[in-house]
Amino acid sequence: MSKKHIEECVRTSLESYFRDLRGTEPDRMYEMLVGVVEKPLLEVVMAKADHNQSKAAEWLGLNRNTLRKKLLEHKLLKS
């Protein structure tokens, strides 16, 4: 799957989201979208990295502490 394919999936989903709103104005879309994309991204990357936070952080281009904070926010890690 290419980056272009992922972009198209997001675009199609957003078009569907706006259709479902039926003219109602959206609210806090950025936060919503980041939230729904970030959790599965973290889940898949952590699984592929065998739950090695250092490796996952490197793959994601994040500081390990930032990754740990995000894992905690999404309840993917026990504090």
Protein backbone atom coordinates (compact mmCIF):
# COMPACT_ATOMS: atom_id res chain seq x y z
CA MET A 1 0.00 0.00 0.00
CA SER A 2 1.47 3.31 -1.01
CA LYS A 3 1.35 6.67 0.72
CA LYS A 4 -0.91 7.80 -2.14
CA HIS A 5 -3.39 5.00 -1.35
CA ILE A 6 -3.54 6.00 2.33
CA GLU A 7 -4.13 9.62 1.33
CA GLU A 8 -6.99 8.54 -0.92
CA CYS A 9 -8.55 6.49 1.90
CA VAL A 10 -8.43 9.52 4.19
CA ARG A 11 -9.87 11.78 1.48
CA THR A 12 -12.73 9.35 0.77
CA SER A 13 -13.49 9.00 4.48
CA LEU A 14 -13.56 12.78 4.95
CA GLU A 15 -15.92 13.22 2.00
CA SER A 16 -18.19 10.60 3.55
CA TYR A 17 -17.95 12.36 6.92
CA PHE A 18 -19.11 15.64 5.39
CA ARG A 19 -21.97 13.90 3.57
CA ASP A 20 -23.08 12.31 6.85
CA LEU A 21 -23.13 15.75 8.50
CA ARG A 22 -25.87 16.82 6.02
CA GLY A 23 -24.94 20.48 6.19
CA THR A 24 -24.21 20.61 9.91
CA GLU A 25 -20.90 22.34 10.52
CA PRO A 26 -18.14 20.11 11.85
CA ASP A 27 -16.43 20.79 15.15
CA ARG A 28 -12.86 20.05 16.25
CA MET A 29 -12.13 17.99 13.15
CA TYR A 30 -8.37 18.08 13.52
CA GLU A 31 -8.48 16.67 17.04
CA MET A 32 -11.01 14.05 15.98
CA LEU A 33 -8.99 12.92 12.97
CA VAL A 34 -5.68 12.78 14.81
CA GLY A 35 -7.38 10.79 17.55
CA VAL A 36 -8.88 8.18 15.25
CA VAL A 37 -5.69 7.77 13.22
CA GLU A 38 -3.12 7.92 16.01
CA LYS A 39 -4.44 5.03 18.13
CA PRO A 40 -4.47 2.35 15.39
CA LEU A 41 -1.13 3.67 14.11
CA LEU A 42 0.40 3.18 17.55
CA GLU A 43 -1.23 -0.23 17.99
CA VAL A 44 0.07 -1.58 14.68
CA VAL A 45 3.56 -0.10 14.99
CA MET A 46 3.97 -1.36 18.56
CA ALA A 47 2.90 -4.85 17.49
CA LYS A 48 5.26 -4.85 14.49
CA ALA A 49 8.09 -3.60 16.73
CA ASP A 50 7.37 -6.42 19.22
CA HIS A 51 6.37 -3.76 21.76
CA ASN A 52 9.87 -2.33 21.76
CA GLN A 53 9.24 1.34 22.46
CA SER A 54 12.68 2.48 21.32
CA LYS A 55 12.28 0.74 17.96
CA ALA A 56 8.70 1.97 17.53
CA ALA A 57 9.70 5.54 18.40
CA GLU A 58 12.47 5.40 15.82
CA TRP A 59 10.09 4.07 13.14
CA LEU A 60 7.60 6.82 13.94
CA GLY A 61 10.22 9.56 14.11
CA LEU A 62 9.28 10.35 17.69
CA ASN A 63 11.21 10.74 20.91
CA ARG A 64 10.70 7.64 23.07
CA ASN A 65 9.21 9.78 25.87
CA THR A 66 6.74 11.30 23.42
CA LEU A 67 5.74 7.83 22.25
CA ARG A 68 5.29 6.68 25.85
CA LYS A 69 3.07 9.72 26.57
CA LYS A 70 0.92 8.97 23.52
CA LEU A 71 0.64 5.28 24.46
CA LEU A 72 -0.57 6.31 27.91
CA GLU A 73 -3.05 8.85 26.44
CA HIS A 74 -4.58 6.12 24.26
CA LYS A 75 -4.57 3.63 27.15
CA LEU A 76 -2.21 1.35 25.25
CA LEU A 77 0.22 1.20 28.14
CA LYS A 78 -0.25 0.83 31.84
CA SER A 79 1.21 3.70 33.88
